[in-house]
Protein backbone atom coordinates (compact mmCIF):
# COMPACT_ATOMS: atom_id res chain seq x y z
CA MET A 1 47.70 -35.84 -48.26
CA ALA A 2 44.36 -37.56 -47.90
CA GLY A 3 41.28 -35.38 -47.78
CA PRO A 4 38.64 -35.42 -45.04
CA GLU A 5 36.75 -38.64 -44.54
CA VAL A 6 33.22 -38.67 -45.93
CA ASP A 7 30.33 -40.17 -43.97
CA ARG A 8 28.85 -43.10 -45.91
CA LEU A 9 25.24 -42.46 -44.90
CA THR A 10 25.00 -38.71 -45.46
CA GLY A 11 27.77 -38.10 -47.93
CA THR A 12 29.00 -35.22 -45.75
CA ALA A 13 32.66 -34.69 -44.91
CA THR A 14 33.63 -35.21 -41.28
CA THR A 15 35.82 -33.03 -39.10
CA GLY A 16 38.03 -35.93 -38.07
CA HIS A 17 36.67 -35.88 -34.52
CA GLU A 18 35.30 -39.15 -33.17
CA TRP A 19 33.71 -40.12 -29.84
CA ASP A 20 32.84 -43.75 -29.11
CA GLY A 21 32.62 -44.47 -32.82
CA ILE A 22 30.49 -41.43 -33.55
CA ARG A 23 32.06 -39.10 -36.12
CA GLU A 24 31.30 -35.37 -36.18
CA LEU A 25 29.95 -34.09 -39.49
CA ASN A 26 31.40 -30.92 -40.94
CA THR A 27 28.20 -28.87 -41.43
CA PRO A 28 29.04 -25.14 -41.38
CA LEU A 29 26.45 -22.59 -40.27
CA PRO A 30 24.31 -21.07 -43.02
CA LYS A 31 25.77 -17.93 -44.58
CA TRP A 32 22.75 -15.82 -43.66
CA TRP A 33 23.13 -16.80 -40.01
CA LEU A 34 26.80 -15.81 -40.01
CA TYR A 35 26.03 -12.47 -41.65
CA VAL A 36 23.39 -11.73 -39.01
CA PHE A 37 25.88 -12.70 -36.28
CA TYR A 38 28.55 -10.40 -37.70
CA ALA A 39 26.00 -7.60 -37.97
CA THR A 40 25.12 -7.94 -34.27
CA ILE A 41 28.81 -7.71 -33.38
CA LEU A 42 29.12 -4.54 -35.44
CA PHE A 43 25.96 -3.15 -33.85
CA SER A 44 27.29 -3.81 -30.35
CA VAL A 45 30.52 -1.94 -31.12
CA VAL A 46 28.58 1.06 -32.41
CA TYR A 47 26.19 0.83 -29.43
CA CYS A 48 29.12 1.08 -26.99
CA PHE A 49 30.01 4.47 -28.48
CA PHE A 50 26.50 5.90 -28.49
CA ARG A 51 25.03 4.49 -25.27
CA PRO A 52 26.26 4.11 -21.67
CA ALA A 53 28.10 0.82 -21.69
CA TRP A 54 31.35 0.16 -19.82
CA PRO A 55 32.07 0.57 -16.09
CA LEU A 56 35.23 2.52 -15.37
CA PRO A 57 37.88 1.31 -12.88
CA TRP A 58 37.86 4.67 -11.06
CA GLY A 59 34.09 4.73 -10.76
CA GLY A 60 31.20 5.61 -13.03
CA TYR A 61 30.80 4.44 -16.60
CA THR A 62 31.15 5.57 -20.17
CA THR A 63 28.21 7.82 -21.01
CA GLY A 64 28.42 7.59 -24.79
CA PHE A 65 27.91 10.34 -27.34
CA GLY A 66 25.14 12.70 -26.21
CA SER A 67 25.21 11.33 -22.61
CA TRP A 68 21.87 9.57 -23.14
CA SER A 69 20.52 7.46 -20.25
CA SER A 70 17.29 5.64 -19.61
CA ARG A 71 16.89 7.48 -16.30
CA ALA A 72 17.15 10.87 -17.97
CA ASP A 73 14.71 9.69 -20.63
CA LEU A 74 12.28 8.58 -17.94
CA ASN A 75 12.63 11.91 -16.12
CA GLU A 76 11.82 13.75 -19.32
CA ARG A 77 8.76 11.59 -19.93
CA MET A 78 7.58 12.05 -16.34
CA ALA A 79 8.09 15.82 -16.57
CA ALA A 80 6.02 15.90 -19.75
CA LEU A 81 3.30 13.83 -18.05
CA GLU A 82 3.29 16.12 -15.01
CA GLN A 83 2.93 19.10 -17.31
CA GLU A 84 -0.09 17.48 -18.95
CA ARG A 85 -1.62 16.78 -15.55
CA ALA A 86 -0.82 20.22 -14.15
CA VAL A 87 -4.08 21.77 -15.32
CA TRP A 88 -6.03 19.19 -13.28
CA MET A 89 -3.65 19.10 -10.30
CA ASP A 90 -3.78 22.89 -9.99
CA GLN A 91 -7.57 22.74 -9.87
CA ILE A 92 -7.51 19.99 -7.25
CA ARG A 93 -5.02 21.94 -5.13
CA ASP A 94 -7.00 25.18 -5.30
CA THR A 95 -10.51 23.75 -4.96
CA PRO A 96 -11.97 22.82 -1.54
CA LEU A 97 -12.92 19.18 -1.10
CA ASP A 98 -16.65 19.85 -0.82
CA GLN A 99 -16.56 21.76 -4.11
CA ILE A 100 -14.63 19.01 -5.90
CA VAL A 101 -17.43 16.61 -4.97
CA ASN A 102 -19.88 18.86 -6.84
CA ASN A 103 -17.69 19.00 -9.96
CA PRO A 104 -18.18 15.68 -11.81
CA ASP A 105 -15.20 16.05 -14.15
CA LEU A 106 -12.79 17.12 -11.45
CA LEU A 107 -14.12 14.46 -9.07
CA THR A 108 -13.54 11.75 -11.68
CA VAL A 109 -9.94 12.84 -12.23
CA ALA A 110 -9.32 13.06 -8.48
CA THR A 111 -10.78 9.66 -7.61
CA VAL A 112 -9.02 7.86 -10.47
CA GLY A 113 -5.73 9.33 -9.32
CA GLY A 114 -6.64 8.60 -5.70
CA ARG A 115 -7.16 4.93 -6.50
CA ALA A 116 -3.62 4.69 -7.90
CA ILE A 117 -2.18 6.57 -4.92
CA PHE A 118 -4.10 4.34 -2.53
CA GLY A 119 -2.81 1.21 -4.27
CA ASP A 120 0.80 2.40 -4.02
CA ASN A 121 0.72 3.65 -0.42
CA CYS A 122 -2.32 2.48 1.56
CA ALA A 123 -3.26 -0.95 0.20
CA PRO A 124 -0.38 -2.81 1.98
CA CYS A 125 -2.21 -2.16 5.27
CA HIS A 126 -5.84 -1.47 4.33
CA GLY A 127 -6.03 -4.00 1.51
CA THR A 128 -6.85 -3.51 -2.15
CA GLY A 129 -9.94 -1.34 -2.41
CA GLY A 130 -9.97 -0.70 1.35
CA VAL A 131 -11.17 -4.16 2.43
CA GLY A 132 -8.96 -4.03 5.53
CA ARG A 133 -6.71 -6.68 7.04
CA PRO A 134 -6.79 -8.75 10.24
CA GLY A 135 -4.76 -7.45 13.15
CA GLY A 136 -6.00 -3.88 13.44
CA PHE A 137 -6.13 -2.53 9.87
CA PRO A 138 -9.61 -0.99 9.50
CA VAL A 139 -12.04 -1.68 6.68
CA LEU A 140 -12.67 1.54 4.75
CA LEU A 141 -15.74 0.29 2.88
CA ASP A 142 -18.23 0.38 5.75
CA ASP A 143 -19.70 3.36 7.59
CA ASP A 144 -17.89 2.72 10.87
CA TRP A 145 -15.29 5.43 11.49
CA ILE A 146 -13.22 5.70 14.65
CA TRP A 147 -12.19 9.28 13.90
CA GLY A 148 -15.13 10.30 11.71
CA GLY A 149 -15.84 9.73 8.03
CA THR A 150 -16.46 13.20 6.65
CA LEU A 151 -14.15 14.58 3.98
CA GLY A 152 -12.50 16.83 6.56
CA ASP A 153 -12.08 13.97 9.05
CA ILE A 154 -10.50 11.66 6.48
CA HIS A 155 -8.25 14.43 5.18
CA THR A 156 -6.97 15.12 8.71
CA THR A 157 -6.33 11.44 9.36
CA VAL A 158 -4.46 10.94 6.10
CA THR A 159 -2.44 14.11 6.59
CA HIS A 160 -1.32 13.59 10.18
CA GLY A 161 -1.77 9.87 10.80
CA ILE A 162 -2.60 8.15 14.07
CA ARG A 163 -0.45 7.65 17.18
CA ASN A 164 2.86 8.36 15.52
CA ALA A 165 5.77 10.35 16.88
CA ALA A 166 6.59 11.91 13.52
CA ASP A 167 3.71 14.41 13.54
CA PRO A 168 2.74 16.43 16.64
CA ASP A 169 -0.77 16.83 15.20
CA ALA A 170 -1.33 13.09 14.80
CA ARG A 171 -4.63 11.65 16.01
CA LEU A 172 -4.09 10.38 19.53
CA SER A 173 -6.16 8.18 21.81
CA GLN A 174 -5.01 5.74 24.45
CA MET A 175 -7.17 3.15 26.15
CA PRO A 176 -5.91 2.24 29.62
CA ALA A 177 -4.62 -1.27 30.20
CA TYR A 178 -7.24 -2.05 32.81
CA GLY A 179 -5.95 -5.53 33.55
CA ALA A 180 -2.20 -5.22 32.94
CA ASP A 181 -1.99 -2.05 35.07
CA GLY A 182 -4.13 -3.50 37.88
CA ILE A 183 -6.99 -1.03 37.47
CA LEU A 184 -9.58 -3.83 37.24
CA THR A 185 -9.46 -7.43 38.36
CA ARG A 186 -10.16 -10.28 35.98
CA GLU A 187 -13.59 -10.70 37.58
CA GLN A 188 -14.38 -7.03 37.03
CA ILE A 189 -13.23 -7.26 33.40
CA ALA A 190 -15.51 -10.26 32.93
CA ALA A 191 -18.40 -8.30 34.50
CA VAL A 192 -17.94 -5.24 32.28
CA THR A 193 -17.70 -7.55 29.27
CA ASP A 194 -21.08 -8.98 30.29
CA HIS A 195 -22.49 -5.45 30.35
CA LEU A 196 -21.09 -4.74 26.90
CA PHE A 197 -22.78 -7.86 25.54
CA ALA A 198 -26.01 -6.68 27.19
CA LEU A 199 -25.67 -3.31 25.43
CA ARG A 200 -25.36 -5.22 22.17
CA GLY A 201 -28.45 -7.25 23.00
CA ALA A 202 -26.37 -10.41 23.09
CA GLY A 203 -26.62 -11.38 26.76
CA PRO A 204 -28.15 -10.68 30.17
CA GLU A 205 -27.30 -7.57 32.15
CA ASN A 206 -24.59 -7.65 34.82
CA PRO A 207 -25.28 -4.96 37.45
CA ALA A 208 -21.69 -4.91 38.67
CA GLY A 209 -20.45 -4.60 35.10
CA LYS A 210 -22.87 -1.74 34.45
CA GLU A 211 -21.44 0.15 37.40
CA ILE A 212 -17.84 -0.51 36.27
CA TRP A 213 -18.78 0.70 32.78
CA ALA A 214 -20.21 3.95 34.13
CA GLU A 215 -17.07 4.61 36.17
CA ASN A 216 -14.44 3.65 33.59
CA CYS A 217 -15.79 3.32 30.04
CA ALA A 218 -18.74 5.66 29.54
CA ALA A 219 -16.59 8.81 29.50
CA CYS A 220 -15.16 7.79 26.11
CA HIS A 221 -17.50 5.18 24.67
CA GLY A 222 -20.74 6.74 25.92
CA ASP A 223 -23.40 5.36 28.24
CA LEU A 224 -24.76 3.13 25.48
CA GLY A 225 -21.40 2.29 23.88
CA HIS A 226 -21.93 4.29 20.70
CA GLY A 227 -18.42 5.75 20.85
CA ASN A 228 -17.09 9.26 20.25
CA PRO A 229 -15.20 10.10 17.03
CA GLU A 230 -13.77 13.27 18.60
CA LEU A 231 -11.87 11.09 21.08
CA GLY A 232 -11.16 8.22 18.71
CA ALA A 233 -13.38 5.96 20.84
CA PRO A 234 -15.02 3.32 18.63
CA ASN A 235 -18.64 2.27 18.61
CA LEU A 236 -18.85 -0.97 20.62
CA VAL A 237 -22.44 -1.98 20.00
CA ASP A 238 -22.30 -2.58 16.25
CA GLN A 239 -20.95 -5.74 14.67
CA ILE A 240 -17.70 -4.18 13.46
CA TRP A 241 -14.60 -4.99 15.49
CA LEU A 242 -11.03 -3.98 14.85
CA TYR A 243 -9.45 -6.63 17.07
CA GLY A 244 -12.26 -9.18 17.23
CA GLY A 245 -15.65 -9.28 18.92
CA SER A 246 -15.63 -12.61 20.77
CA ARG A 247 -15.75 -12.63 24.54
CA ALA A 248 -12.12 -13.69 24.84
CA GLU A 249 -10.95 -11.04 22.35
CA ILE A 250 -12.89 -8.27 24.11
CA MET A 251 -11.52 -9.26 27.50
CA ALA A 252 -7.99 -9.35 26.06
CA GLN A 253 -8.43 -5.83 24.65
CA ILE A 254 -9.69 -4.52 28.01
CA THR A 255 -6.85 -6.26 29.85
CA LYS A 256 -4.02 -5.04 27.61
CA PRO A 257 -5.31 -3.07 24.62
CA ARG A 258 -3.59 -2.97 21.26
CA HIS A 259 -3.23 0.40 19.58
CA GLY A 260 -2.64 0.77 15.86
CA VAL A 261 -0.26 3.31 14.34
CA MET A 262 -0.71 5.08 11.01
CA PRO A 263 2.10 7.20 9.52
CA PRO A 264 1.53 10.82 8.53
CA TRP A 265 1.36 11.28 4.76
CA ALA A 266 2.04 15.01 4.75
CA GLY A 267 5.51 15.39 3.27
CA ARG A 268 5.34 11.97 1.64
CA LEU A 269 2.41 12.91 -0.58
CA THR A 270 1.69 16.32 -2.07
CA ASP A 271 -1.36 18.30 -0.98
CA GLU A 272 -3.08 17.36 -4.25
CA GLN A 273 -2.34 13.66 -3.71
CA ILE A 274 -3.70 13.75 -0.16
CA LYS A 275 -6.88 15.34 -1.48
CA GLN A 276 -7.14 12.69 -4.19
CA VAL A 277 -6.77 9.75 -1.80
CA THR A 278 -9.21 11.43 0.63
CA LEU A 279 -11.85 11.67 -2.10
CA TYR A 280 -11.19 8.09 -3.19
CA VAL A 281 -11.56 6.69 0.32
CA HIS A 282 -14.66 8.83 0.95
CA GLN A 283 -16.42 7.47 -2.14
CA LEU A 284 -15.59 3.82 -1.42
CA GLY A 285 -18.97 3.54 0.23
CA GLY A 286 -18.46 4.49 3.85
CA GLY A 287 -17.84 8.22 3.69
CA GLN A 288 -20.16 10.36 5.81
């Protein structure tokens, strides 16, 4: 019986396979590569016995010797981390906010943790670092606060939220839809918008608008438009606008106002976490 054909150019035996005149050389894998391959097979068999591996037809999976799992390992690591943090978290929980501010070490721990909590929970709406987002998500870096910017004010807002049905203690304010509900005509809305621009020093006075303002707007926003944090009525004479400060945007808000909603974070975050995010937001630059 004839042996395998040898390739003339390389001197290597062929396998006998040929495609379009091209013969396949018989070049076995290196021994070291095969040994490594066999070792990985052996390792995988041993792994199946020691680690969770195979799904079971009746549900669940094989847990392996010792019932190790990555989730349990993570829980153990997290528990150890929480234990390390407990000394600081206990202090934050038991120390009033105004006293934390006067404790540099505790304040540093609280604000560093607050930044992480803010990034995980608040940044999707308020932006990274509190820069805000268009469409009614306030900037938290300035000193313009609808509901007040003291530590207590911010803590209340974070705890209970704004205009949500989930918390009976949520901040609540409701601006009437002066145009949509037929309280004011379009001409009257235009007149009161003129008066608002006059209060801002950006246009001439409109006597009719001034009268409409006194009858409808001053009770919440004040005679001069400076707002009232106790009522959640924003300052209307600065250059900070939640829904836009152009004439058309102001008239649209008077006609059919938009009202933002913020969820309550009590129950979602621990008391210590709410304190941490309160301190972080307060020190962003706009806290009062």
